[in-house]
């Protein structure tokens, strides 16, 4: 922003691309506002979830008992990898019957959501303009963000689901009374007066632990994907500086192609790594619900 208070075209470009297509038609003012619905995040999250289900349906439909095809083999390797991780972390076989498929769904779904970050920044807006949509402020699709995991609501919503699973299995394995008792008696154990004095401390520490696990799980995914999205926008600005066939514009255009290609290749690793971390922490947190302090 300049000294006169005017926003530079570059800053305006980035700010525009950080606003969701929602029910208020502008950027959300506070972090938590349950009256705001980001339609773009909901649409792309649902679309990727349906894509995952469709692909799995195709694999199951074409499964063979003999030598599997390459795609079926890749899916079987993925399922085996998730099942191996679940067996090494979650001790209860009954729990694994639910958690292992959940972990597979989490990994593939988040990987698909993160992959949307590889779509060129201005491609959705360009397509909307071709159909006469989103030309002016207030028009549908004037604002649109294609990356759901860069919307804090989506990762935190997922992490809230993991928190509910932690609480559910904690009470299922230890029984409700045992679970509540552990909240007040661990991690610092005591007897008599000491137990009474330590009970509020233990309860507070356990609440902080559950909150920290949930928030950090969602914030980690959001932070990495939001940062990656910003880098793609900054790279796009190199091509946006085009002023004609001159040395500087051509150099910036070549720089955009090279930088965008290198960052996209590197970002593939981040996409898969963040999906894997979220899946592993889901398994770890559910596995910890089976353990006592």
C-alpha atoms as a PDB file:
ATOM      1  CA  UNK A   1       0.000   0.000   0.000  1.00  0.00           C
ATOM      2  CA  UNK A   2       1.360   3.408  -0.945  1.00  0.00           C
ATOM      3  CA  UNK A   3       1.719   6.416   1.382  1.00  0.00           C
ATOM      4  CA  UNK A   4      -1.478   7.885  -0.053  1.00  0.00           C
ATOM      5  CA  UNK A   5      -3.405   4.801   1.017  1.00  0.00           C
ATOM      6  CA  UNK A   6      -3.922   3.456  -2.531  1.00  0.00           C
ATOM      7  CA  UNK A   7      -3.502  -0.280  -3.058  1.00  0.00           C
ATOM      8  CA  UNK A   8      -0.987  -1.319  -5.730  1.00  0.00           C
ATOM      9  CA  UNK A   9      -2.271  -3.422  -8.669  1.00  0.00           C
ATOM     10  CA  UNK A  10      -0.176  -6.369  -7.443  1.00  0.00           C
ATOM     11  CA  UNK A  11      -1.665  -6.220  -3.945  1.00  0.00           C
ATOM     12  CA  UNK A  12      -5.159  -5.792  -5.371  1.00  0.00           C
ATOM     13  CA  UNK A  13      -4.614  -8.846  -7.605  1.00  0.00           C
ATOM     14  CA  UNK A  14      -3.623 -11.024  -4.641  1.00  0.00           C
ATOM     15  CA  UNK A  15      -6.395  -9.681  -2.403  1.00  0.00           C
ATOM     16  CA  UNK A  16      -8.957 -10.397  -5.111  1.00  0.00           C
ATOM     17  CA  UNK A  17      -7.801 -14.016  -5.419  1.00  0.00           C
ATOM     18  CA  UNK A  18      -7.973 -14.536  -1.657  1.00  0.00           C
ATOM     19  CA  UNK A  19     -11.718 -13.800  -1.426  1.00  0.00           C
ATOM     20  CA  UNK A  20     -14.182 -16.685  -1.571  1.00  0.00           C
ATOM     21  CA  UNK A  21     -17.392 -16.940  -3.523  1.00  0.00           C
ATOM     22  CA  UNK A  22     -19.709 -16.758  -0.532  1.00  0.00           C
ATOM     23  CA  UNK A  23     -23.089 -15.526   0.622  1.00  0.00           C
ATOM     24  CA  UNK A  24     -21.828 -12.069   1.690  1.00  0.00           C
ATOM     25  CA  UNK A  25     -20.010 -11.158  -1.543  1.00  0.00           C
ATOM     26  CA  UNK A  26     -16.839  -9.983   0.189  1.00  0.00           C
ATOM     27  CA  UNK A  27     -13.944 -11.149   2.313  1.00  0.00           C
ATOM     28  CA  UNK A  28     -14.768 -12.614   5.689  1.00  0.00           C
ATOM     29  CA  UNK A  29     -13.875 -10.059   8.359  1.00  0.00           C
ATOM     30  CA  UNK A  30     -13.199 -12.358  11.314  1.00  0.00           C
ATOM     31  CA  UNK A  31     -11.695 -15.833  11.627  1.00  0.00           C
ATOM     32  CA  UNK A  32     -14.837 -17.505  12.968  1.00  0.00           C
ATOM     33  CA  UNK A  33     -18.098 -16.329  11.418  1.00  0.00           C
ATOM     34  CA  UNK A  34     -20.681 -19.104  11.131  1.00  0.00           C
ATOM     35  CA  UNK A  35     -22.998 -16.899   9.084  1.00  0.00           C
ATOM     36  CA  UNK A  36     -20.561 -17.005   6.143  1.00  0.00           C
ATOM     37  CA  UNK A  37     -20.816 -19.901   3.690  1.00  0.00           C
ATOM     38  CA  UNK A  38     -17.960 -20.310   1.198  1.00  0.00           C
ATOM     39  CA  UNK A  39     -19.725 -21.916  -1.734  1.00  0.00           C
ATOM     40  CA  UNK A  40     -16.533 -22.519  -3.702  1.00  0.00           C
ATOM     41  CA  UNK A  41     -14.911 -24.517  -0.884  1.00  0.00           C
ATOM     42  CA  UNK A  42     -18.052 -26.590  -0.417  1.00  0.00           C
ATOM     43  CA  UNK A  43     -18.365 -27.247  -4.158  1.00  0.00           C
ATOM     44  CA  UNK A  44     -14.759 -28.326  -4.750  1.00  0.00           C
ATOM     45  CA  UNK A  45     -14.626 -30.392  -1.556  1.00  0.00           C
ATOM     46  CA  UNK A  46     -17.792 -32.220  -2.578  1.00  0.00           C
ATOM     47  CA  UNK A  47     -16.595 -32.632  -6.167  1.00  0.00           C
ATOM     48  CA  UNK A  48     -13.285 -34.185  -5.098  1.00  0.00           C
ATOM     49  CA  UNK A  49     -15.082 -36.450  -2.634  1.00  0.00           C
ATOM     50  CA  UNK A  50     -17.430 -37.655  -5.368  1.00  0.00           C
ATOM     51  CA  UNK A  51     -14.477 -38.125  -7.733  1.00  0.00           C
ATOM     52  CA  UNK A  52     -12.777 -40.320  -5.140  1.00  0.00           C
ATOM     53  CA  UNK A  53     -15.910 -42.430  -4.677  1.00  0.00           C
ATOM     54  CA  UNK A  54     -16.356 -42.759  -8.452  1.00  0.00           C
ATOM     55  CA  UNK A  55     -12.762 -43.866  -8.997  1.00  0.00           C
ATOM     56  CA  UNK A  56     -12.980 -46.408  -6.161  1.00  0.00           C
ATOM     57  CA  UNK A  57     -16.239 -47.694  -7.650  1.00  0.00           C
ATOM     58  CA  UNK A  58     -14.534 -48.164 -11.010  1.00  0.00           C
ATOM     59  CA  UNK A  59     -11.682 -50.074  -9.375  1.00  0.00           C
ATOM     60  CA  UNK A  60     -14.024 -52.369  -7.440  1.00  0.00           C
ATOM     61  CA  UNK A  61     -16.135 -52.927 -10.545  1.00  0.00           C
ATOM     62  CA  UNK A  62     -13.127 -53.966 -12.616  1.00  0.00           C
ATOM     63  CA  UNK A  63     -11.277 -55.913  -9.909  1.00  0.00           C
ATOM     64  CA  UNK A  64      -9.901 -59.289 -10.982  1.00  0.00           C
ATOM     65  CA  UNK A  65      -8.588 -62.253  -9.016  1.00  0.00           C
ATOM     66  CA  UNK A  66      -5.706 -62.763 -11.437  1.00  0.00           C
ATOM     67  CA  UNK A  67      -2.882 -60.401 -12.332  1.00  0.00           C
ATOM     68  CA  UNK A  68      -4.170 -56.886 -11.625  1.00  0.00           C
ATOM     69  CA  UNK A  69      -3.854 -54.010 -14.051  1.00  0.00           C
ATOM     70  CA  UNK A  70      -1.561 -51.090 -13.295  1.00  0.00           C
ATOM     71  CA  UNK A  71      -4.283 -48.891 -11.870  1.00  0.00           C
ATOM     72  CA  UNK A  72      -5.747 -51.676  -9.741  1.00  0.00           C
ATOM     73  CA  UNK A  73      -2.237 -52.534  -8.578  1.00  0.00           C
ATOM     74  CA  UNK A  74      -1.586 -48.925  -7.573  1.00  0.00           C
ATOM     75  CA  UNK A  75      -4.832 -48.793  -5.573  1.00  0.00           C
ATOM     76  CA  UNK A  76      -4.018 -52.108  -3.873  1.00  0.00           C
ATOM     77  CA  UNK A  77      -0.571 -50.792  -2.923  1.00  0.00           C
ATOM     78  CA  UNK A  78      -2.161 -47.666  -1.462  1.00  0.00           C
ATOM     79  CA  UNK A  79      -4.704 -49.693   0.525  1.00  0.00           C
ATOM     80  CA  UNK A  80      -1.969 -52.005   1.806  1.00  0.00           C
ATOM     81  CA  UNK A  81       0.199 -49.034   2.828  1.00  0.00           C
ATOM     82  CA  UNK A  82      -2.624 -47.451   4.844  1.00  0.00           C
ATOM     83  CA  UNK A  83      -3.570 -50.801   6.390  1.00  0.00           C
ATOM     84  CA  UNK A  84       0.047 -51.423   7.435  1.00  0.00           C
ATOM     85  CA  UNK A  85       0.244 -48.014   9.105  1.00  0.00           C
ATOM     86  CA  UNK A  86      -3.082 -48.596  10.864  1.00  0.00           C
ATOM     87  CA  UNK A  87      -1.936 -51.994  12.183  1.00  0.00           C
ATOM     88  CA  UNK A  88       1.250 -50.489  13.596  1.00  0.00           C
ATOM     89  CA  UNK A  89      -0.538 -47.612  15.364  1.00  0.00           C
ATOM     90  CA  UNK A  90      -4.074 -48.662  16.316  1.00  0.00           C
ATOM     91  CA  UNK A  91      -4.013 -51.695  18.643  1.00  0.00           C
ATOM     92  CA  UNK A  92      -7.688 -52.630  18.432  1.00  0.00           C
ATOM     93  CA  UNK A  93      -8.725 -54.689  15.411  1.00  0.00           C
ATOM     94  CA  UNK A  94     -12.338 -53.623  15.865  1.00  0.00           C
ATOM     95  CA  UNK A  95     -11.297 -49.975  15.713  1.00  0.00           C
ATOM     96  CA  UNK A  96      -9.111 -50.565  12.642  1.00  0.00           C
ATOM     97  CA  UNK A  97     -12.099 -51.870  10.686  1.00  0.00           C
ATOM     98  CA  UNK A  98     -13.466 -48.321  10.768  1.00  0.00           C
ATOM     99  CA  UNK A  99     -10.324 -46.200  11.126  1.00  0.00           C
ATOM    100  CA  UNK A 100      -8.257 -47.797   8.330  1.00  0.00           C
ATOM    101  CA  UNK A 101     -10.842 -47.031   5.588  1.00  0.00           C
ATOM    102  CA  UNK A 102     -11.287 -43.594   7.150  1.00  0.00           C
ATOM    103  CA  UNK A 103      -7.517 -42.988   6.964  1.00  0.00           C
ATOM    104  CA  UNK A 104      -7.498 -44.075   3.312  1.00  0.00           C
ATOM    105  CA  UNK A 105     -10.364 -41.682   2.573  1.00  0.00           C
ATOM    106  CA  UNK A 106      -8.624 -38.843   4.424  1.00  0.00           C
ATOM    107  CA  UNK A 107      -5.363 -39.363   2.530  1.00  0.00           C
ATOM    108  CA  UNK A 108      -6.869 -39.571  -0.956  1.00  0.00           C
ATOM    109  CA  UNK A 109      -9.431 -36.826  -0.377  1.00  0.00           C
ATOM    110  CA  UNK A 110      -6.900 -34.330   0.990  1.00  0.00           C
ATOM    111  CA  UNK A 111      -4.441 -35.231  -1.771  1.00  0.00           C
ATOM    112  CA  UNK A 112      -7.128 -34.491  -4.377  1.00  0.00           C
ATOM    113  CA  UNK A 113      -8.069 -31.222  -2.670  1.00  0.00           C
ATOM    114  CA  UNK A 114      -4.414 -30.154  -2.501  1.00  0.00           C
ATOM    115  CA  UNK A 115      -3.887 -31.058  -6.167  1.00  0.00           C
ATOM    116  CA  UNK A 116      -6.332 -28.305  -7.117  1.00  0.00           C
ATOM    117  CA  UNK A 117      -3.552 -25.879  -6.193  1.00  0.00           C
ATOM    118  CA  UNK A 118      -1.809 -26.934  -9.428  1.00  0.00           C
ATOM    119  CA  UNK A 119      -4.667 -25.446 -11.486  1.00  0.00           C
ATOM    120  CA  UNK A 120      -3.452 -22.100 -12.935  1.00  0.00           C
ATOM    121  CA  UNK A 121      -4.535 -19.239 -10.679  1.00  0.00           C
ATOM    122  CA  UNK A 122      -6.472 -17.325 -13.322  1.00  0.00           C
ATOM    123  CA  UNK A 123      -7.948 -20.313 -15.181  1.00  0.00           C
ATOM    124  CA  UNK A 124     -11.294 -20.461 -13.283  1.00  0.00           C
ATOM    125  CA  UNK A 125     -11.851 -16.715 -13.669  1.00  0.00           C
ATOM    126  CA  UNK A 126     -10.998 -16.884 -17.375  1.00  0.00           C
ATOM    127  CA  UNK A 127     -13.477 -19.712 -17.925  1.00  0.00           C
ATOM    128  CA  UNK A 128     -16.185 -17.833 -16.033  1.00  0.00           C
ATOM    129  CA  UNK A 129     -15.578 -14.732 -18.153  1.00  0.00           C
ATOM    130  CA  UNK A 130     -15.972 -16.785 -21.346  1.00  0.00           C
ATOM    131  CA  UNK A 131     -19.495 -17.611 -20.175  1.00  0.00           C
ATOM    132  CA  UNK A 132     -20.186 -13.993 -19.248  1.00  0.00           C
ATOM    133  CA  UNK A 133     -19.910 -14.534 -15.492  1.00  0.00           C
ATOM    134  CA  UNK A 134     -17.976 -12.643 -12.854  1.00  0.00           C
ATOM    135  CA  UNK A 135     -17.132  -9.481 -14.794  1.00  0.00           C
ATOM    136  CA  UNK A 136     -18.203  -7.036 -12.097  1.00  0.00           C
ATOM    137  CA  UNK A 137     -18.299  -6.937  -8.318  1.00  0.00           C
ATOM    138  CA  UNK A 138     -21.523  -8.474  -7.132  1.00  0.00           C
ATOM    139  CA  UNK A 139     -21.749 -10.887 -10.086  1.00  0.00           C
ATOM    140  CA  UNK A 140     -21.730 -14.612  -9.320  1.00  0.00           C
ATOM    141  CA  UNK A 141     -18.202 -16.060  -9.503  1.00  0.00           C
ATOM    142  CA  UNK A 142     -16.543 -12.616  -9.384  1.00  0.00           C
ATOM    143  CA  UNK A 143     -14.696 -14.084  -6.401  1.00  0.00           C
ATOM    144  CA  UNK A 144     -13.647 -17.717  -6.568  1.00  0.00           C
ATOM    145  CA  UNK A 145     -10.975 -19.778  -4.800  1.00  0.00           C
ATOM    146  CA  UNK A 146     -10.454 -23.263  -6.101  1.00  0.00           C
ATOM    147  CA  UNK A 147      -8.305 -24.578  -3.217  1.00  0.00           C
ATOM    148  CA  UNK A 148     -10.486 -25.766  -0.290  1.00  0.00           C
ATOM    149  CA  UNK A 149      -7.552 -26.622   2.000  1.00  0.00           C
ATOM    150  CA  UNK A 150      -6.442 -22.968   1.863  1.00  0.00           C
ATOM    151  CA  UNK A 151      -9.805 -22.102   3.411  1.00  0.00           C
ATOM    152  CA  UNK A 152      -9.309 -22.405   7.178  1.00  0.00           C
ATOM    153  CA  UNK A 153     -12.864 -23.700   7.622  1.00  0.00           C
ATOM    154  CA  UNK A 154     -12.159 -26.920   5.702  1.00  0.00           C
ATOM    155  CA  UNK A 155      -8.989 -28.114   7.524  1.00  0.00           C
ATOM    156  CA  UNK A 156     -10.415 -27.128  10.910  1.00  0.00           C
ATOM    157  CA  UNK A 157     -13.649 -28.938  10.064  1.00  0.00           C
ATOM    158  CA  UNK A 158     -11.642 -32.076   9.288  1.00  0.00           C
ATOM    159  CA  UNK A 159      -9.602 -31.746  12.478  1.00  0.00           C
ATOM    160  CA  UNK A 160     -12.829 -31.298  14.458  1.00  0.00           C
ATOM    161  CA  UNK A 161     -13.977 -34.638  13.058  1.00  0.00           C
ATOM    162  CA  UNK A 162     -10.731 -36.224  14.271  1.00  0.00           C
ATOM    163  CA  UNK A 163     -11.289 -34.650  17.708  1.00  0.00           C
ATOM    164  CA  UNK A 164     -14.749 -36.190  17.902  1.00  0.00           C
ATOM    165  CA  UNK A 165     -13.252 -39.579  17.006  1.00  0.00           C
ATOM    166  CA  UNK A 166     -10.653 -39.192  19.771  1.00  0.00           C
ATOM    167  CA  UNK A 167     -13.378 -38.476  22.309  1.00  0.00           C
ATOM    168  CA  UNK A 168     -15.621 -41.249  20.996  1.00  0.00           C
ATOM    169  CA  UNK A 169     -12.980 -43.976  21.115  1.00  0.00           C
ATOM    170  CA  UNK A 170     -11.627 -42.659  24.405  1.00  0.00           C
ATOM    171  CA  UNK A 171     -15.039 -43.195  25.994  1.00  0.00           C
ATOM    172  CA  UNK A 172     -15.663 -46.455  24.129  1.00  0.00           C
ATOM    173  CA  UNK A 173     -12.395 -48.096  25.175  1.00  0.00           C
ATOM    174  CA  UNK A 174     -12.184 -46.701  28.722  1.00  0.00           C
ATOM    175  CA  UNK A 175     -15.938 -46.387  29.286  1.00  0.00           C
ATOM    176  CA  UNK A 176     -17.456 -42.964  30.071  1.00  0.00           C
ATOM    177  CA  UNK A 177     -16.636 -43.043  33.789  1.00  0.00           C
ATOM    178  CA  UNK A 178     -13.081 -44.206  33.174  1.00  0.00           C
ATOM    179  CA  UNK A 179     -12.582 -41.547  30.510  1.00  0.00           C
ATOM    180  CA  UNK A 180     -13.856 -38.760  32.778  1.00  0.00           C
ATOM    181  CA  UNK A 181     -11.783 -40.090  35.660  1.00  0.00           C
ATOM    182  CA  UNK A 182      -8.633 -39.980  33.532  1.00  0.00           C
ATOM    183  CA  UNK A 183      -9.323 -36.347  32.642  1.00  0.00           C
ATOM    184  CA  UNK A 184      -8.964 -35.453  36.340  1.00  0.00           C
ATOM    185  CA  UNK A 185      -6.292 -37.956  37.426  1.00  0.00           C
ATOM    186  CA  UNK A 186      -3.724 -37.836  34.608  1.00  0.00           C
ATOM    187  CA  UNK A 187      -1.004 -37.012  33.788  1.00  0.00           C
ATOM    188  CA  UNK A 188      -0.180 -36.072  37.404  1.00  0.00           C
ATOM    189  CA  UNK A 189      -1.293 -38.784  39.784  1.00  0.00           C
ATOM    190  CA  UNK A 190      -1.812 -38.220  43.479  1.00  0.00           C
ATOM    191  CA  UNK A 191      -3.468 -39.636  46.572  1.00  0.00           C
ATOM    192  CA  UNK A 192      -5.746 -38.042  49.110  1.00  0.00           C
ATOM    193  CA  UNK A 193      -5.477 -34.254  49.280  1.00  0.00           C
ATOM    194  CA  UNK A 194      -2.850 -34.239  46.516  1.00  0.00           C
ATOM    195  CA  UNK A 195      -5.329 -35.863  44.098  1.00  0.00           C
ATOM    196  CA  UNK A 196      -7.944 -33.200  44.875  1.00  0.00           C
ATOM    197  CA  UNK A 197      -5.434 -30.375  44.389  1.00  0.00           C
ATOM    198  CA  UNK A 198      -4.089 -31.834  41.132  1.00  0.00           C
ATOM    199  CA  UNK A 199      -7.534 -32.586  39.655  1.00  0.00           C
ATOM    200  CA  UNK A 200      -8.169 -29.057  38.229  1.00  0.00           C
ATOM    201  CA  UNK A 201      -4.609 -28.943  36.872  1.00  0.00           C
ATOM    202  CA  UNK A 202      -4.984 -32.315  35.167  1.00  0.00           C
ATOM    203  CA  UNK A 203      -8.356 -31.360  33.719  1.00  0.00           C
ATOM    204  CA  UNK A 204      -6.980 -28.094  32.312  1.00  0.00           C
ATOM    205  CA  UNK A 205      -3.933 -29.830  30.826  1.00  0.00           C
ATOM    206  CA  UNK A 206      -6.089 -32.465  29.160  1.00  0.00           C
ATOM    207  CA  UNK A 207      -8.393 -29.827  27.668  1.00  0.00           C
ATOM    208  CA  UNK A 208      -5.362 -27.946  26.346  1.00  0.00           C
ATOM    209  CA  UNK A 209      -3.953 -31.179  24.913  1.00  0.00           C
ATOM    210  CA  UNK A 210      -7.139 -32.024  23.028  1.00  0.00           C
ATOM    211  CA  UNK A 211      -7.511 -28.449  21.761  1.00  0.00           C
ATOM    212  CA  UNK A 212      -3.848 -28.233  20.712  1.00  0.00           C
ATOM    213  CA  UNK A 213      -4.028 -31.518  18.802  1.00  0.00           C
ATOM    214  CA  UNK A 214      -7.163 -30.472  16.950  1.00  0.00           C
ATOM    215  CA  UNK A 215      -6.103 -26.909  16.134  1.00  0.00           C
ATOM    216  CA  UNK A 216      -2.528 -27.805  15.137  1.00  0.00           C
ATOM    217  CA  UNK A 217      -3.806 -30.621  12.885  1.00  0.00           C
ATOM    218  CA  UNK A 218      -5.974 -28.223  10.903  1.00  0.00           C
ATOM    219  CA  UNK A 219      -3.598 -25.245  11.011  1.00  0.00           C
ATOM    220  CA  UNK A 220      -0.674 -27.298   9.704  1.00  0.00           C
ATOM    221  CA  UNK A 221      -2.579 -28.287   6.570  1.00  0.00           C
ATOM    222  CA  UNK A 222      -4.035 -24.815   6.097  1.00  0.00           C
ATOM    223  CA  UNK A 223      -0.720 -22.998   6.613  1.00  0.00           C
ATOM    224  CA  UNK A 224       1.216 -25.079   4.111  1.00  0.00           C
ATOM    225  CA  UNK A 225      -1.430 -24.945   1.399  1.00  0.00           C
ATOM    226  CA  UNK A 226      -2.157 -21.232   1.922  1.00  0.00           C
ATOM    227  CA  UNK A 227       1.564 -20.457   1.613  1.00  0.00           C
ATOM    228  CA  UNK A 228       1.788 -22.537  -1.555  1.00  0.00           C
ATOM    229  CA  UNK A 229      -1.210 -20.734  -3.021  1.00  0.00           C
ATOM    230  CA  UNK A 230       0.420 -17.356  -2.322  1.00  0.00           C
ATOM    231  CA  UNK A 231       3.634 -18.434  -4.049  1.00  0.00           C
ATOM    232  CA  UNK A 232       1.657 -19.387  -7.173  1.00  0.00           C
ATOM    233  CA  UNK A 233      -0.006 -15.956  -7.114  1.00  0.00           C
ATOM    234  CA  UNK A 234       3.350 -14.204  -6.829  1.00  0.00           C
ATOM    235  CA  UNK A 235       4.678 -16.235  -9.749  1.00  0.00           C
ATOM    236  CA  UNK A 236       1.575 -15.321 -11.770  1.00  0.00           C
ATOM    237  CA  UNK A 237       2.403 -11.652 -11.219  1.00  0.00           C
ATOM    238  CA  UNK A 238       5.563 -12.116 -13.289  1.00  0.00           C
ATOM    239  CA  UNK A 239       3.462 -12.826 -16.361  1.00  0.00           C
ATOM    240  CA  UNK A 240       0.990 -10.131 -15.342  1.00  0.00           C
ATOM    241  CA  UNK A 241       3.747  -7.546 -15.753  1.00  0.00           C
ATOM    242  CA  UNK A 242       3.689  -8.036 -19.545  1.00  0.00           C
ATOM    243  CA  UNK A 243       3.826  -4.702 -21.371  1.00  0.00           C
ATOM    244  CA  UNK A 244       4.670  -5.864 -24.881  1.00  0.00           C
ATOM    245  CA  UNK A 245       7.486  -7.523 -26.796  1.00  0.00           C
ATOM    246  CA  UNK A 246      10.392  -6.007 -24.925  1.00  0.00           C
ATOM    247  CA  UNK A 247      13.332  -7.529 -23.087  1.00  0.00           C
ATOM    248  CA  UNK A 248      11.904  -7.067 -19.592  1.00  0.00           C
ATOM    249  CA  UNK A 249       8.478  -8.502 -20.397  1.00  0.00           C
ATOM    250  CA  UNK A 250       9.927 -11.487 -22.237  1.00  0.00           C
ATOM    251  CA  UNK A 251      12.364 -12.114 -19.374  1.00  0.00           C
ATOM    252  CA  UNK A 252       9.553 -11.965 -16.805  1.00  0.00           C
ATOM    253  CA  UNK A 253       7.422 -14.272 -18.951  1.00  0.00           C
ATOM    254  CA  UNK A 254      10.210 -16.833 -19.183  1.00  0.00           C
ATOM    255  CA  UNK A 255      10.801 -16.427 -15.456  1.00  0.00           C
ATOM    256  CA  UNK A 256       7.142 -17.140 -14.771  1.00  0.00           C
ATOM    257  CA  UNK A 257       7.245 -20.358 -16.802  1.00  0.00           C
ATOM    258  CA  UNK A 258      10.462 -21.579 -15.171  1.00  0.00           C
ATOM    259  CA  UNK A 259       9.499 -20.574 -11.635  1.00  0.00           C
ATOM    260  CA  UNK A 260       5.972 -21.946 -12.030  1.00  0.00           C
ATOM    261  CA  UNK A 261       7.239 -25.281 -13.356  1.00  0.00           C
ATOM    262  CA  UNK A 262       9.847 -25.697 -10.618  1.00  0.00           C
ATOM    263  CA  UNK A 263       7.427 -24.722  -7.859  1.00  0.00           C
ATOM    264  CA  UNK A 264       4.698 -27.003  -9.262  1.00  0.00           C
ATOM    265  CA  UNK A 265       7.080 -29.986  -9.257  1.00  0.00           C
ATOM    266  CA  UNK A 266       8.194 -29.197  -5.707  1.00  0.00           C
ATOM    267  CA  UNK A 267       4.598 -28.574  -4.646  1.00  0.00           C
ATOM    268  CA  UNK A 268       3.596 -32.100  -5.685  1.00  0.00           C
ATOM    269  CA  UNK A 269       5.723 -33.361  -2.805  1.00  0.00           C
ATOM    270  CA  UNK A 270       4.035 -30.910  -0.411  1.00  0.00           C
ATOM    271  CA  UNK A 271       0.598 -31.994  -1.653  1.00  0.00           C
ATOM    272  CA  UNK A 272       1.255 -35.669  -0.905  1.00  0.00           C
ATOM    273  CA  UNK A 273       3.239 -34.994   2.262  1.00  0.00           C
ATOM    274  CA  UNK A 274       0.492 -32.914   3.866  1.00  0.00           C
ATOM    275  CA  UNK A 275      -2.124 -35.550   3.012  1.00  0.00           C
ATOM    276  CA  UNK A 276       0.120 -38.258   4.480  1.00  0.00           C
ATOM    277  CA  UNK A 277       0.797 -36.255   7.670  1.00  0.00           C
ATOM    278  CA  UNK A 278      -2.914 -35.606   8.229  1.00  0.00           C
ATOM    279  CA  UNK A 279      -3.662 -39.305   7.717  1.00  0.00           C
ATOM    280  CA  UNK A 280      -0.876 -40.443  10.059  1.00  0.00           C
ATOM    281  CA  UNK A 281      -1.845 -38.004  12.802  1.00  0.00           C
ATOM    282  CA  UNK A 282      -5.452 -39.166  12.513  1.00  0.00           C
ATOM    283  CA  UNK A 283      -4.274 -42.729  13.136  1.00  0.00           C
ATOM    284  CA  UNK A 284      -1.937 -41.635  15.939  1.00  0.00           C
ATOM    285  CA  UNK A 285      -4.599 -39.631  17.771  1.00  0.00           C
ATOM    286  CA  UNK A 286      -7.152 -42.433  17.506  1.00  0.00           C
ATOM    287  CA  UNK A 287      -4.486 -44.892  18.640  1.00  0.00           C
ATOM    288  CA  UNK A 288      -3.675 -42.721  21.651  1.00  0.00           C
ATOM    289  CA  UNK A 289      -7.336 -42.870  22.660  1.00  0.00           C
ATOM    290  CA  UNK A 290      -6.715 -46.565  23.449  1.00  0.00           C
ATOM    291  CA  UNK A 291      -3.838 -45.796  25.789  1.00  0.00           C
ATOM    292  CA  UNK A 292      -3.865 -44.682  29.384  1.00  0.00           C
ATOM    293  CA  UNK A 293      -1.554 -42.149  30.966  1.00  0.00           C
END
